[in-house]
Amino acid sequence: MNNKIDKKGKLRKYFLTLEKNSKNLEKLENVKESFDIGMNYIQMVLPVKKITKEAENILKENVDHNILRAQIREVKEKDLEIFVNLYNKAWLTSHEPFRALTIHDLGSLYPVPNLIMFIASVYGIDAGFMILDFEGSEKEFGIIVAMGVIPRFQRRGLGKIMALSAWEFFKNRNVVELRSEVYINNNVSYNFLKSLGFEDNGVNLYKSEDYNLTISNT
C-alpha cells in the first residue's frame, strides 16, 4: 500500500468516525444500515482554469463585510487545542457521521506530509478551520479535506473567505484542479461547494472498514 493511501485511510478513520453514545444514538441508528452496505460520498471537482478573477470578485461581494476582515493562519503545535475545539463546535450542526476529535487524535496526525491545517479568526475570535492536502505525482490536485465554521459565525460568508484563501494557497503552488468530497446527505456542504463552482464527478462508496465505529456508554 502506498503512502498516499495510508495517509487517506488514516485521515478517514479520524475525521469520519461515528461514536455510539447517548448523545448521538439516534444518528447512529439512522446510518447503521449505511455502514453495513457502505456510505456514499459525492466527488466534487473545480478545474483551476474555471476560476477567473471575476469569479473571485463575485464571491467577495457575497459575504458579510465584517467577515472580509478575517485573518487566516496556519496551525502550529501551540494551536492544536484551539483547532480541536473549533472542529468539535463546527461539526455539532453537521449532517454526517461524527465523533468528537481529541487533542490526542490531532497529535497523532500532526504533522502529516502535505497536510496543512488553518484557523480563521474574526476580530480576534477564532471562528473556523480548514484542512488542505495535495494529491497526484506532482501534487497537481489541491484537496479540501474539511472545512467548518462555529455556529456563531455560520451563514455570514466565512466559509467563502476560507475557500478564497484555499484557492490562493493552491494557486501559488500551481495545482490544476481543486477537489473535495461530500457525504451524500449533507446538502448544506454540497450546495456550498456548488456555489463556489465545484462540479459533480461521480460517487465513491466507502465500506465499514474505511471507518472507525466505536461503542461507548457515555
N, C-alpha and C. Protein backbone atom coordinates (compact mmCIF):
# COMPACT_ATOMS: atom_id res chain seq x y z
N MET A 1 0.86 -1.20 0.00
CA MET A 1 0.00 0.00 0.00
C MET A 1 0.88 1.24 0.00
N ASN A 2 0.58 2.21 -0.90
CA ASN A 2 1.46 3.37 -0.98
C ASN A 2 1.14 4.39 0.10
N ASN A 3 2.03 5.39 0.24
CA ASN A 3 1.90 6.36 1.31
C ASN A 3 0.64 7.19 1.20
N LYS A 4 0.22 7.51 -0.05
CA LYS A 4 -0.98 8.34 -0.22
C LYS A 4 -2.20 7.62 0.34
N ILE A 5 -2.34 6.34 0.03
CA ILE A 5 -3.48 5.57 0.53
C ILE A 5 -3.40 5.43 2.04
N ASP A 6 -2.20 5.19 2.57
CA ASP A 6 -2.04 5.10 4.02
C ASP A 6 -2.52 6.37 4.69
N LYS A 7 -2.12 7.50 4.13
CA LYS A 7 -2.49 8.78 4.73
C LYS A 7 -3.99 9.00 4.63
N LYS A 8 -4.59 8.74 3.49
CA LYS A 8 -6.02 8.95 3.33
C LYS A 8 -6.81 8.05 4.27
N GLY A 9 -6.34 6.82 4.43
CA GLY A 9 -7.02 5.92 5.35
C GLY A 9 -6.94 6.42 6.78
N LYS A 10 -5.78 6.94 7.15
CA LYS A 10 -5.60 7.47 8.49
C LYS A 10 -6.51 8.66 8.74
N LEU A 11 -6.59 9.55 7.75
CA LEU A 11 -7.45 10.72 7.89
C LEU A 11 -8.91 10.32 8.01
N ARG A 12 -9.34 9.37 7.16
CA ARG A 12 -10.73 8.95 7.18
C ARG A 12 -11.10 8.37 8.54
N LYS A 13 -10.22 7.60 9.12
CA LYS A 13 -10.53 6.96 10.40
C LYS A 13 -10.62 7.98 11.53
N TYR A 14 -9.95 9.13 11.38
CA TYR A 14 -10.06 10.17 12.40
C TYR A 14 -11.24 11.09 12.16
N PHE A 15 -11.43 11.52 10.91
CA PHE A 15 -12.40 12.58 10.64
C PHE A 15 -13.76 12.05 10.22
N LEU A 16 -13.89 10.77 9.90
CA LEU A 16 -15.17 10.20 9.52
C LEU A 16 -15.47 9.02 10.42
N THR A 17 -15.63 9.30 11.69
CA THR A 17 -15.83 8.27 12.69
C THR A 17 -17.09 8.56 13.46
N LEU A 18 -17.87 7.55 13.70
CA LEU A 18 -19.11 7.71 14.46
C LEU A 18 -19.00 6.94 15.76
N GLU A 19 -19.20 7.62 16.86
CA GLU A 19 -19.12 7.00 18.17
C GLU A 19 -20.52 6.83 18.74
N LYS A 20 -20.83 5.64 19.21
CA LYS A 20 -22.15 5.38 19.78
C LYS A 20 -22.18 5.81 21.23
N ASN A 21 -23.03 6.77 21.54
CA ASN A 21 -23.24 7.16 22.92
C ASN A 21 -24.64 7.74 23.05
N SER A 22 -25.00 8.15 24.24
CA SER A 22 -26.36 8.59 24.49
C SER A 22 -26.72 9.84 23.71
N LYS A 23 -25.71 10.63 23.29
CA LYS A 23 -25.99 11.89 22.61
C LYS A 23 -26.25 11.71 21.13
N ASN A 24 -25.70 10.67 20.52
CA ASN A 24 -25.90 10.52 19.08
C ASN A 24 -26.45 9.15 18.71
N LEU A 25 -27.15 8.52 19.67
CA LEU A 25 -27.69 7.19 19.40
C LEU A 25 -28.66 7.21 18.23
N GLU A 26 -29.51 8.24 18.16
CA GLU A 26 -30.48 8.32 17.07
C GLU A 26 -29.76 8.43 15.73
N LYS A 27 -28.73 9.26 15.67
CA LYS A 27 -27.98 9.40 14.42
C LYS A 27 -27.33 8.07 14.06
N LEU A 28 -26.82 7.37 15.05
CA LEU A 28 -26.19 6.08 14.78
C LEU A 28 -27.18 5.11 14.17
N GLU A 29 -28.39 5.04 14.73
CA GLU A 29 -29.39 4.12 14.21
C GLU A 29 -29.77 4.48 12.78
N ASN A 30 -29.78 5.79 12.48
CA ASN A 30 -30.16 6.22 11.13
C ASN A 30 -29.16 5.81 10.07
N VAL A 31 -27.89 5.67 10.46
CA VAL A 31 -26.86 5.35 9.46
C VAL A 31 -26.29 3.96 9.61
N LYS A 32 -26.79 3.18 10.58
CA LYS A 32 -26.23 1.85 10.82
C LYS A 32 -26.29 0.99 9.56
N GLU A 33 -27.41 1.04 8.87
CA GLU A 33 -27.54 0.27 7.65
C GLU A 33 -26.53 0.73 6.61
N SER A 34 -26.28 2.05 6.58
CA SER A 34 -25.32 2.58 5.62
C SER A 34 -23.92 2.04 5.90
N PHE A 35 -23.57 1.88 7.16
CA PHE A 35 -22.27 1.32 7.49
C PHE A 35 -22.16 -0.12 6.99
N ASP A 36 -23.28 -0.84 7.02
CA ASP A 36 -23.26 -2.24 6.59
C ASP A 36 -23.06 -2.35 5.08
N ILE A 37 -23.68 -1.46 4.33
CA ILE A 37 -23.61 -1.57 2.87
C ILE A 37 -22.65 -0.56 2.24
N GLY A 38 -22.16 0.39 3.07
CA GLY A 38 -21.25 1.40 2.58
C GLY A 38 -21.91 2.77 2.56
N MET A 39 -21.09 3.82 2.59
CA MET A 39 -21.61 5.19 2.62
C MET A 39 -21.11 5.93 1.38
N ASN A 40 -22.01 6.67 0.75
CA ASN A 40 -21.70 7.35 -0.50
C ASN A 40 -21.24 8.78 -0.27
N TYR A 41 -20.14 9.12 -0.93
CA TYR A 41 -19.62 10.49 -0.90
C TYR A 41 -19.52 11.02 -2.32
N ILE A 42 -20.15 12.17 -2.56
CA ILE A 42 -20.10 12.80 -3.88
C ILE A 42 -18.72 13.41 -4.08
N GLN A 43 -18.09 13.08 -5.20
CA GLN A 43 -16.80 13.66 -5.54
C GLN A 43 -17.02 14.97 -6.28
N MET A 44 -16.38 16.03 -5.82
CA MET A 44 -16.56 17.37 -6.38
C MET A 44 -15.23 17.88 -6.93
N VAL A 45 -15.27 18.49 -8.10
CA VAL A 45 -14.04 19.00 -8.71
C VAL A 45 -14.27 20.42 -9.24
N LEU A 46 -13.19 21.19 -9.26
CA LEU A 46 -13.22 22.54 -9.82
C LEU A 46 -11.91 22.78 -10.55
N PRO A 47 -11.91 22.68 -11.88
CA PRO A 47 -10.68 22.94 -12.64
C PRO A 47 -10.22 24.38 -12.43
N VAL A 48 -8.93 24.56 -12.24
CA VAL A 48 -8.38 25.89 -11.97
C VAL A 48 -8.68 26.86 -13.10
N LYS A 49 -8.71 26.38 -14.33
CA LYS A 49 -8.95 27.27 -15.47
C LYS A 49 -10.33 27.93 -15.40
N LYS A 50 -11.23 27.39 -14.59
CA LYS A 50 -12.56 27.97 -14.47
C LYS A 50 -12.65 29.03 -13.36
N ILE A 51 -11.57 29.18 -12.60
CA ILE A 51 -11.56 30.16 -11.51
C ILE A 51 -11.00 31.47 -12.06
N THR A 52 -11.86 32.37 -12.45
CA THR A 52 -11.44 33.65 -13.02
C THR A 52 -11.40 34.72 -11.93
N LYS A 53 -10.76 35.83 -12.25
CA LYS A 53 -10.74 36.95 -11.31
C LYS A 53 -12.16 37.45 -11.06
N GLU A 54 -12.99 37.42 -12.08
CA GLU A 54 -14.39 37.83 -11.93
C GLU A 54 -15.11 36.94 -10.93
N ALA A 55 -14.84 35.63 -11.00
CA ALA A 55 -15.47 34.69 -10.06
C ALA A 55 -15.02 34.99 -8.63
N GLU A 56 -13.75 35.31 -8.44
CA GLU A 56 -13.25 35.66 -7.12
C GLU A 56 -13.96 36.90 -6.59
N ASN A 57 -14.12 37.90 -7.44
CA ASN A 57 -14.76 39.14 -7.00
C ASN A 57 -16.23 38.92 -6.64
N ILE A 58 -16.91 38.06 -7.38
CA ILE A 58 -18.31 37.77 -7.07
C ILE A 58 -18.42 37.13 -5.69
N LEU A 59 -17.50 36.23 -5.35
CA LEU A 59 -17.51 35.61 -4.03
C LEU A 59 -17.33 36.66 -2.94
N LYS A 60 -16.42 37.58 -3.15
CA LYS A 60 -16.14 38.60 -2.15
C LYS A 60 -17.34 39.52 -1.94
N GLU A 61 -18.10 39.75 -3.00
CA GLU A 61 -19.27 40.62 -2.90
C GLU A 61 -20.42 39.98 -2.14
N ASN A 62 -20.37 38.65 -1.99
CA ASN A 62 -21.49 37.93 -1.38
C ASN A 62 -21.24 37.55 0.07
N VAL A 63 -20.33 38.25 0.73
CA VAL A 63 -20.05 37.93 2.13
C VAL A 63 -20.22 39.17 2.99
N ASP A 64 -20.42 38.91 4.28
CA ASP A 64 -20.53 39.99 5.26
C ASP A 64 -19.22 40.78 5.26
N HIS A 65 -19.29 42.11 5.21
CA HIS A 65 -18.08 42.93 5.16
C HIS A 65 -17.21 42.71 6.39
N ASN A 66 -17.81 42.43 7.53
CA ASN A 66 -17.02 42.16 8.73
C ASN A 66 -16.17 40.91 8.56
N ILE A 67 -16.74 39.91 7.88
CA ILE A 67 -16.01 38.66 7.67
C ILE A 67 -14.82 38.88 6.74
N LEU A 68 -14.91 39.90 5.88
CA LEU A 68 -13.79 40.18 4.99
C LEU A 68 -12.52 40.53 5.76
N ARG A 69 -12.67 40.89 7.01
CA ARG A 69 -11.52 41.22 7.85
C ARG A 69 -10.92 39.98 8.51
N ALA A 70 -11.43 38.83 8.16
CA ALA A 70 -10.95 37.59 8.77
C ALA A 70 -9.46 37.40 8.54
N GLN A 71 -8.81 36.89 9.56
CA GLN A 71 -7.40 36.55 9.49
C GLN A 71 -7.27 35.02 9.49
N ILE A 72 -6.48 34.50 8.57
CA ILE A 72 -6.33 33.05 8.47
C ILE A 72 -4.86 32.69 8.69
N ARG A 73 -4.62 31.80 9.64
CA ARG A 73 -3.25 31.42 9.99
C ARG A 73 -3.08 29.91 9.92
N GLU A 74 -1.88 29.50 9.58
CA GLU A 74 -1.58 28.07 9.56
C GLU A 74 -1.43 27.56 10.99
N VAL A 75 -1.95 26.38 11.24
CA VAL A 75 -1.90 25.79 12.58
C VAL A 75 -0.48 25.38 12.93
N LYS A 76 -0.04 25.80 14.09
CA LYS A 76 1.23 25.37 14.67
C LYS A 76 0.92 24.47 15.87
N GLU A 77 1.94 23.88 16.41
CA GLU A 77 1.71 22.95 17.52
C GLU A 77 0.98 23.61 18.68
N LYS A 78 1.26 24.87 18.93
CA LYS A 78 0.61 25.58 20.04
C LYS A 78 -0.88 25.81 19.78
N ASP A 79 -1.32 25.65 18.52
CA ASP A 79 -2.72 25.88 18.15
C ASP A 79 -3.57 24.62 18.15
N LEU A 80 -2.99 23.47 18.46
CA LEU A 80 -3.72 22.20 18.30
C LEU A 80 -4.98 22.14 19.16
N GLU A 81 -4.90 22.61 20.39
CA GLU A 81 -6.08 22.56 21.26
C GLU A 81 -7.18 23.49 20.74
N ILE A 82 -6.79 24.66 20.23
CA ILE A 82 -7.76 25.58 19.63
C ILE A 82 -8.43 24.93 18.43
N PHE A 83 -7.62 24.28 17.60
CA PHE A 83 -8.16 23.62 16.41
C PHE A 83 -9.17 22.54 16.80
N VAL A 84 -8.85 21.74 17.80
CA VAL A 84 -9.75 20.68 18.27
C VAL A 84 -11.09 21.27 18.70
N ASN A 85 -11.05 22.36 19.47
CA ASN A 85 -12.29 22.98 19.95
C ASN A 85 -13.13 23.52 18.79
N LEU A 86 -12.47 24.14 17.81
CA LEU A 86 -13.19 24.65 16.65
C LEU A 86 -13.83 23.52 15.86
N TYR A 87 -13.07 22.47 15.65
CA TYR A 87 -13.57 21.32 14.89
C TYR A 87 -14.82 20.75 15.54
N ASN A 88 -14.76 20.53 16.85
CA ASN A 88 -15.89 19.92 17.55
C ASN A 88 -17.12 20.83 17.57
N LYS A 89 -16.92 22.12 17.75
CA LYS A 89 -18.05 23.05 17.75
C LYS A 89 -18.67 23.17 16.36
N ALA A 90 -17.83 23.22 15.34
CA ALA A 90 -18.34 23.40 13.98
C ALA A 90 -19.17 22.22 13.52
N TRP A 91 -18.78 21.00 13.91
CA TRP A 91 -19.46 19.81 13.42
C TRP A 91 -20.70 19.43 14.23
N LEU A 92 -20.99 20.21 15.27
CA LEU A 92 -22.21 19.92 16.03
C LEU A 92 -23.45 20.02 15.16
N THR A 93 -23.40 20.88 14.14
CA THR A 93 -24.57 21.08 13.27
C THR A 93 -24.42 20.36 11.93
N SER A 94 -23.45 19.47 11.83
CA SER A 94 -23.24 18.80 10.54
C SER A 94 -24.28 17.72 10.32
N HIS A 95 -24.40 17.30 9.06
CA HIS A 95 -25.39 16.28 8.70
C HIS A 95 -24.69 15.01 8.23
N GLU A 96 -23.64 14.63 8.95
CA GLU A 96 -22.95 13.41 8.60
C GLU A 96 -22.34 12.78 9.85
N PRO A 97 -21.90 11.52 9.74
CA PRO A 97 -21.31 10.84 10.90
C PRO A 97 -20.16 11.64 11.49
N PHE A 98 -20.08 11.62 12.83
CA PHE A 98 -19.11 12.48 13.50
C PHE A 98 -18.83 11.95 14.90
N ARG A 99 -17.60 12.06 15.32
CA ARG A 99 -17.27 11.90 16.73
C ARG A 99 -16.37 13.05 17.13
N ALA A 100 -16.34 13.38 18.40
CA ALA A 100 -15.51 14.48 18.87
C ALA A 100 -14.04 14.14 18.66
N LEU A 101 -13.31 15.10 18.15
CA LEU A 101 -11.86 14.98 17.98
C LEU A 101 -11.21 15.31 19.31
N THR A 102 -10.13 14.63 19.64
CA THR A 102 -9.39 14.90 20.88
C THR A 102 -8.00 15.42 20.54
N ILE A 103 -7.37 16.04 21.52
CA ILE A 103 -6.02 16.54 21.30
C ILE A 103 -5.07 15.38 21.04
N HIS A 104 -5.36 14.23 21.61
CA HIS A 104 -4.54 13.04 21.34
C HIS A 104 -4.65 12.63 19.88
N ASP A 105 -5.88 12.64 19.36
CA ASP A 105 -6.09 12.31 17.94
C ASP A 105 -5.27 13.24 17.04
N LEU A 106 -5.41 14.53 17.30
CA LEU A 106 -4.75 15.50 16.44
C LEU A 106 -3.24 15.43 16.57
N GLY A 107 -2.78 15.15 17.79
CA GLY A 107 -1.35 14.98 17.98
C GLY A 107 -0.79 13.83 17.17
N SER A 108 -1.63 12.80 16.95
CA SER A 108 -1.21 11.66 16.15
C SER A 108 -1.16 12.00 14.67
N LEU A 109 -1.92 13.02 14.28
CA LEU A 109 -1.97 13.42 12.87
C LEU A 109 -0.97 14.51 12.52
N TYR A 110 -0.50 15.22 13.53
CA TYR A 110 0.31 16.41 13.27
C TYR A 110 1.77 16.14 13.58
N PRO A 111 2.69 16.42 12.64
CA PRO A 111 2.39 16.81 11.27
C PRO A 111 2.26 15.60 10.34
N VAL A 112 1.49 15.76 9.28
CA VAL A 112 1.37 14.74 8.23
C VAL A 112 1.88 15.38 6.94
N PRO A 113 2.72 14.69 6.15
CA PRO A 113 3.25 15.28 4.92
C PRO A 113 2.15 15.82 4.00
N ASN A 114 2.33 17.05 3.55
CA ASN A 114 1.44 17.73 2.60
C ASN A 114 0.10 18.15 3.20
N LEU A 115 -0.17 17.78 4.44
CA LEU A 115 -1.44 18.15 5.08
C LEU A 115 -1.24 19.46 5.83
N ILE A 116 -2.08 20.46 5.50
CA ILE A 116 -1.94 21.77 6.12
C ILE A 116 -3.27 22.15 6.76
N MET A 117 -3.21 22.59 8.00
CA MET A 117 -4.41 22.98 8.73
C MET A 117 -4.38 24.48 9.00
N PHE A 118 -5.55 25.11 8.92
CA PHE A 118 -5.65 26.55 9.11
C PHE A 118 -6.76 26.87 10.10
N ILE A 119 -6.60 28.02 10.76
CA ILE A 119 -7.63 28.58 11.65
C ILE A 119 -7.99 29.96 11.13
N ALA A 120 -9.29 30.25 11.06
CA ALA A 120 -9.76 31.58 10.65
C ALA A 120 -10.30 32.30 11.88
N SER A 121 -9.92 33.55 12.05
CA SER A 121 -10.42 34.34 13.17
C SER A 121 -11.02 35.64 12.66
N VAL A 122 -12.03 36.13 13.35
CA VAL A 122 -12.71 37.37 13.00
C VAL A 122 -12.66 38.29 14.22
N TYR A 123 -12.03 39.46 14.07
CA TYR A 123 -11.85 40.38 15.19
C TYR A 123 -11.24 39.67 16.40
N GLY A 124 -10.28 38.82 16.13
CA GLY A 124 -9.56 38.14 17.21
C GLY A 124 -10.25 36.92 17.76
N ILE A 125 -11.44 36.59 17.25
CA ILE A 125 -12.18 35.42 17.74
C ILE A 125 -11.98 34.27 16.76
N ASP A 126 -11.44 33.17 17.23
CA ASP A 126 -11.25 32.00 16.36
C ASP A 126 -12.62 31.43 16.01
N ALA A 127 -12.89 31.34 14.70
CA ALA A 127 -14.26 31.05 14.26
C ALA A 127 -14.39 29.91 13.28
N GLY A 128 -13.31 29.48 12.64
CA GLY A 128 -13.42 28.43 11.64
C GLY A 128 -12.11 27.72 11.42
N PHE A 129 -12.16 26.62 10.68
CA PHE A 129 -10.95 25.85 10.39
C PHE A 129 -11.05 25.27 8.99
N MET A 130 -9.93 24.90 8.43
CA MET A 130 -9.92 24.11 7.21
C MET A 130 -8.66 23.25 7.16
N ILE A 131 -8.78 22.15 6.43
CA ILE A 131 -7.69 21.20 6.26
C ILE A 131 -7.49 21.01 4.77
N LEU A 132 -6.28 21.25 4.31
CA LEU A 132 -5.95 21.13 2.89
C LEU A 132 -4.89 20.06 2.68
N ASP A 133 -4.87 19.51 1.49
CA ASP A 133 -3.95 18.42 1.17
C ASP A 133 -3.63 18.46 -0.32
N PHE A 134 -2.70 17.64 -0.73
CA PHE A 134 -2.34 17.52 -2.13
C PHE A 134 -2.40 16.06 -2.56
N GLU A 135 -2.74 15.83 -3.83
CA GLU A 135 -2.68 14.51 -4.43
C GLU A 135 -2.04 14.64 -5.81
N GLY A 136 -1.67 13.49 -6.36
CA GLY A 136 -1.05 13.46 -7.67
C GLY A 136 0.46 13.34 -7.56
N SER A 137 1.07 12.75 -8.57
CA SER A 137 2.51 12.54 -8.55
C SER A 137 3.29 13.84 -8.50
N GLU A 138 2.68 14.91 -9.02
CA GLU A 138 3.32 16.23 -9.00
C GLU A 138 2.59 17.19 -8.05
N LYS A 139 1.78 16.64 -7.16
CA LYS A 139 0.97 17.45 -6.25
C LYS A 139 0.10 18.44 -7.03
N GLU A 140 -0.42 17.97 -8.14
CA GLU A 140 -1.17 18.85 -9.03
C GLU A 140 -2.64 19.01 -8.66
N PHE A 141 -3.11 18.23 -7.70
CA PHE A 141 -4.50 18.33 -7.27
C PHE A 141 -4.56 18.87 -5.84
N GLY A 142 -5.30 19.96 -5.66
CA GLY A 142 -5.48 20.53 -4.33
C GLY A 142 -6.75 19.98 -3.71
N ILE A 143 -6.63 19.45 -2.50
CA ILE A 143 -7.76 18.78 -1.84
C ILE A 143 -8.24 19.60 -0.64
N ILE A 144 -9.51 19.92 -0.63
CA ILE A 144 -10.13 20.49 0.58
C ILE A 144 -10.65 19.30 1.39
N VAL A 145 -9.88 18.90 2.39
CA VAL A 145 -10.23 17.73 3.19
C VAL A 145 -11.43 18.02 4.08
N ALA A 146 -11.41 19.16 4.73
CA ALA A 146 -12.50 19.53 5.65
C ALA A 146 -12.50 21.03 5.85
N MET A 147 -13.67 21.57 6.14
CA MET A 147 -13.82 22.99 6.41
C MET A 147 -15.04 23.16 7.30
N GLY A 148 -14.93 24.01 8.30
CA GLY A 148 -16.06 24.20 9.19
C GLY A 148 -16.03 25.56 9.87
N VAL A 149 -17.21 26.04 10.27
CA VAL A 149 -17.37 27.32 10.95
C VAL A 149 -18.23 27.09 12.18
N ILE A 150 -17.85 27.67 13.31
CA ILE A 150 -18.65 27.50 14.51
C ILE A 150 -20.00 28.19 14.33
N PRO A 151 -21.05 27.71 15.01
CA PRO A 151 -22.41 28.21 14.78
C PRO A 151 -22.55 29.73 14.81
N ARG A 152 -21.85 30.39 15.71
CA ARG A 152 -21.97 31.85 15.86
C ARG A 152 -21.66 32.59 14.56
N PHE A 153 -20.78 32.04 13.74
CA PHE A 153 -20.33 32.74 12.53
C PHE A 153 -20.83 32.07 11.25
N GLN A 154 -21.71 31.11 11.36
CA GLN A 154 -22.22 30.46 10.16
C GLN A 154 -23.18 31.37 9.41
N ARG A 155 -23.29 31.13 8.09
CA ARG A 155 -24.20 31.87 7.21
C ARG A 155 -23.84 33.36 7.10
N ARG A 156 -22.57 33.67 7.29
CA ARG A 156 -22.13 35.06 7.14
C ARG A 156 -21.03 35.19 6.09
N GLY A 157 -20.65 34.09 5.48
CA GLY A 157 -19.68 34.17 4.41
C GLY A 157 -18.26 33.77 4.77
N LEU A 158 -18.04 33.35 6.04
CA LEU A 158 -16.68 32.98 6.43
C LEU A 158 -16.19 31.77 5.65
N GLY A 159 -17.09 30.83 5.36
CA GLY A 159 -16.70 29.66 4.58
C GLY A 159 -16.18 30.07 3.21
N LYS A 160 -16.81 31.07 2.60
CA LYS A 160 -16.36 31.53 1.28
C LYS A 160 -15.00 32.23 1.36
N ILE A 161 -14.79 32.97 2.46
CA ILE A 161 -13.49 33.61 2.64
C ILE A 161 -12.40 32.55 2.79
N MET A 162 -12.70 31.49 3.54
CA MET A 162 -11.72 30.42 3.69
C MET A 162 -11.49 29.71 2.35
N ALA A 163 -12.57 29.56 1.58
CA ALA A 163 -12.42 28.94 0.26
C ALA A 163 -11.52 29.79 -0.64
N LEU A 164 -11.69 31.11 -0.57
CA LEU A 164 -10.82 32.00 -1.34
C LEU A 164 -9.37 31.88 -0.88
N SER A 165 -9.19 31.77 0.43
CA SER A 165 -7.84 31.60 0.97
C SER A 165 -7.23 30.29 0.50
N ALA A 166 -8.05 29.23 0.48
CA ALA A 166 -7.58 27.93 0.00
C ALA A 166 -7.17 28.03 -1.46
N TRP A 167 -7.99 28.75 -2.25
CA TRP A 167 -7.67 28.94 -3.66
C TRP A 167 -6.34 29.67 -3.83
N GLU A 168 -6.12 30.74 -3.07
CA GLU A 168 -4.86 31.47 -3.15
C GLU A 168 -3.68 30.57 -2.78
N PHE A 169 -3.87 29.77 -1.76
CA PHE A 169 -2.83 28.85 -1.31
C PHE A 169 -2.47 27.86 -2.42
N PHE A 170 -3.50 27.27 -3.03
CA PHE A 170 -3.25 26.28 -4.09
C PHE A 170 -2.73 26.94 -5.37
N LYS A 171 -3.26 28.13 -5.69
CA LYS A 171 -2.84 28.82 -6.91
C LYS A 171 -1.33 29.06 -6.90
N ASN A 172 -0.82 29.42 -5.73
CA ASN A 172 0.62 29.69 -5.62
C ASN A 172 1.46 28.43 -5.72
N ARG A 173 0.79 27.28 -5.73
CA ARG A 173 1.51 26.01 -5.84
C ARG A 173 1.17 25.28 -7.15
N ASN A 174 0.56 26.02 -8.06
CA ASN A 174 0.37 25.56 -9.44
C ASN A 174 -0.46 24.28 -9.57
N VAL A 175 -1.50 24.14 -8.75
CA VAL A 175 -2.38 22.99 -8.92
C VAL A 175 -3.25 23.20 -10.15
N VAL A 176 -3.73 22.12 -10.72
CA VAL A 176 -4.57 22.22 -11.93
C VAL A 176 -6.04 22.00 -11.61
N GLU A 177 -6.34 21.48 -10.42
CA GLU A 177 -7.73 21.18 -10.10
C GLU A 177 -7.90 21.14 -8.59
N LEU A 178 -9.02 21.68 -8.12
CA LEU A 178 -9.40 21.56 -6.72
C LEU A 178 -10.39 20.41 -6.58
N ARG A 179 -10.27 19.68 -5.48
CA ARG A 179 -11.14 18.54 -5.25
C ARG A 179 -11.65 18.51 -3.81
N SER A 180 -12.82 17.96 -3.65
CA SER A 180 -13.37 17.73 -2.32
C SER A 180 -14.41 16.62 -2.43
N GLU A 181 -14.91 16.15 -1.30
CA GLU A 181 -15.98 15.16 -1.33
C GLU A 181 -16.97 15.46 -0.23
N VAL A 182 -18.23 15.13 -0.48
CA VAL A 182 -19.32 15.47 0.44
C VAL A 182 -20.20 14.26 0.67
N TYR A 183 -20.49 14.00 1.94
CA TYR A 183 -21.43 12.94 2.28
C TYR A 183 -22.74 13.19 1.55
N ILE A 184 -23.32 12.17 0.96
CA ILE A 184 -24.43 12.33 0.04
C ILE A 184 -25.66 13.00 0.68
N ASN A 185 -25.81 12.91 2.00
CA ASN A 185 -26.95 13.53 2.67
C ASN A 185 -26.63 14.91 3.24
N ASN A 186 -25.41 15.39 3.02
CA ASN A 186 -25.03 16.70 3.57
C ASN A 186 -25.30 17.78 2.52
N ASN A 187 -26.55 18.19 2.43
CA ASN A 187 -26.97 19.15 1.42
C ASN A 187 -26.35 20.52 1.62
N VAL A 188 -26.09 20.90 2.88
CA VAL A 188 -25.51 22.22 3.16
C VAL A 188 -24.12 22.32 2.54
N SER A 189 -23.28 21.34 2.81
CA SER A 189 -21.92 21.36 2.26
C SER A 189 -21.93 21.21 0.74
N TYR A 190 -22.83 20.36 0.25
CA TYR A 190 -22.93 20.16 -1.20
C TYR A 190 -23.29 21.47 -1.90
N ASN A 191 -24.30 22.15 -1.39
CA ASN A 191 -24.73 23.41 -2.01
C ASN A 191 -23.66 24.49 -1.89
N PHE A 192 -22.92 24.45 -0.77
CA PHE A 192 -21.84 25.41 -0.60
C PHE A 192 -20.78 25.22 -1.69
N LEU A 193 -20.35 23.99 -1.91
CA LEU A 193 -19.34 23.73 -2.94
C LEU A 193 -19.86 24.06 -4.33
N LYS A 194 -21.14 23.78 -4.58
CA LYS A 194 -21.73 24.13 -5.87
C LYS A 194 -21.71 25.65 -6.08
N SER A 195 -21.94 26.40 -5.01
CA SER A 195 -21.94 27.86 -5.12
C SER A 195 -20.56 28.40 -5.45
N LEU A 196 -19.52 27.62 -5.14
CA LEU A 196 -18.15 28.02 -5.45
C LEU A 196 -17.75 27.63 -6.86
N GLY A 197 -18.61 26.86 -7.53
CA GLY A 197 -18.30 26.44 -8.89
C GLY A 197 -17.89 24.98 -9.02
N PHE A 198 -17.85 24.24 -7.92
CA PHE A 198 -17.50 22.83 -7.99
C PHE A 198 -18.56 22.05 -8.76
N GLU A 199 -18.11 21.01 -9.45
CA GLU A 199 -18.99 20.16 -10.23
C GLU A 199 -18.95 18.72 -9.72
N ASP A 200 -20.07 18.01 -9.89
CA ASP A 200 -20.11 16.59 -9.51
C ASP A 200 -19.18 15.79 -10.41
N ASN A 201 -18.50 14.82 -9.80
CA ASN A 201 -17.60 13.97 -10.58
C ASN A 201 -17.70 12.52 -10.10
N GLY A 202 -18.92 12.05 -9.93
CA GLY A 202 -19.12 10.67 -9.52
C GLY A 202 -19.32 10.54 -8.02
N VAL A 203 -19.50 9.30 -7.58
CA VAL A 203 -19.74 8.99 -6.17
C VAL A 203 -18.81 7.86 -5.76
N ASN A 204 -18.17 8.01 -4.59
CA ASN A 204 -17.35 6.94 -4.03
C ASN A 204 -18.12 6.26 -2.92
N LEU A 205 -18.03 4.95 -2.90
CA LEU A 205 -18.66 4.17 -1.84
C LEU A 205 -17.58 3.71 -0.87
N TYR A 206 -17.72 4.09 0.40
CA TYR A 206 -16.77 3.68 1.43
C TYR A 206 -17.42 2.62 2.31
N LYS A 207 -16.72 1.52 2.48
CA LYS A 207 -17.24 0.41 3.28
C LYS A 207 -16.87 0.59 4.75
N SER A 208 -17.40 -0.27 5.58
CA SER A 208 -17.23 -0.14 7.02
C SER A 208 -15.76 -0.16 7.43
N GLU A 209 -14.93 -0.87 6.67
CA GLU A 209 -13.51 -0.95 7.04
C GLU A 209 -12.79 0.38 6.84
N ASP A 210 -13.41 1.33 6.15
CA ASP A 210 -12.81 2.64 5.95
C ASP A 210 -13.08 3.58 7.12
N TYR A 211 -13.86 3.12 8.10
CA TYR A 211 -14.25 3.96 9.23
C TYR A 211 -13.87 3.30 10.54
N ASN A 212 -13.89 4.11 11.61
CA ASN A 212 -13.85 3.61 12.97
C ASN A 212 -15.27 3.70 13.52
N LEU A 213 -15.81 2.61 13.98
CA LEU A 213 -17.12 2.63 14.65
C LEU A 213 -16.89 2.16 16.06
N THR A 214 -16.89 3.07 17.02
CA THR A 214 -16.59 2.73 18.40
C THR A 214 -17.85 2.76 19.25
N ILE A 215 -17.85 1.99 20.30
CA ILE A 215 -19.01 1.86 21.17
C ILE A 215 -18.66 2.45 22.53
N SER A 216 -19.52 3.35 22.99
CA SER A 216 -19.31 3.99 24.28
C SER A 216 -20.64 4.07 25.00
N ASN A 217 -20.62 3.94 26.33
CA ASN A 217 -21.85 4.04 27.11
C ASN A 217 -22.05 5.41 27.72
N THR A 218 -21.19 6.37 27.36
CA THR A 218 -21.29 7.70 27.95
C THR A 218 -22.40 8.50 27.27
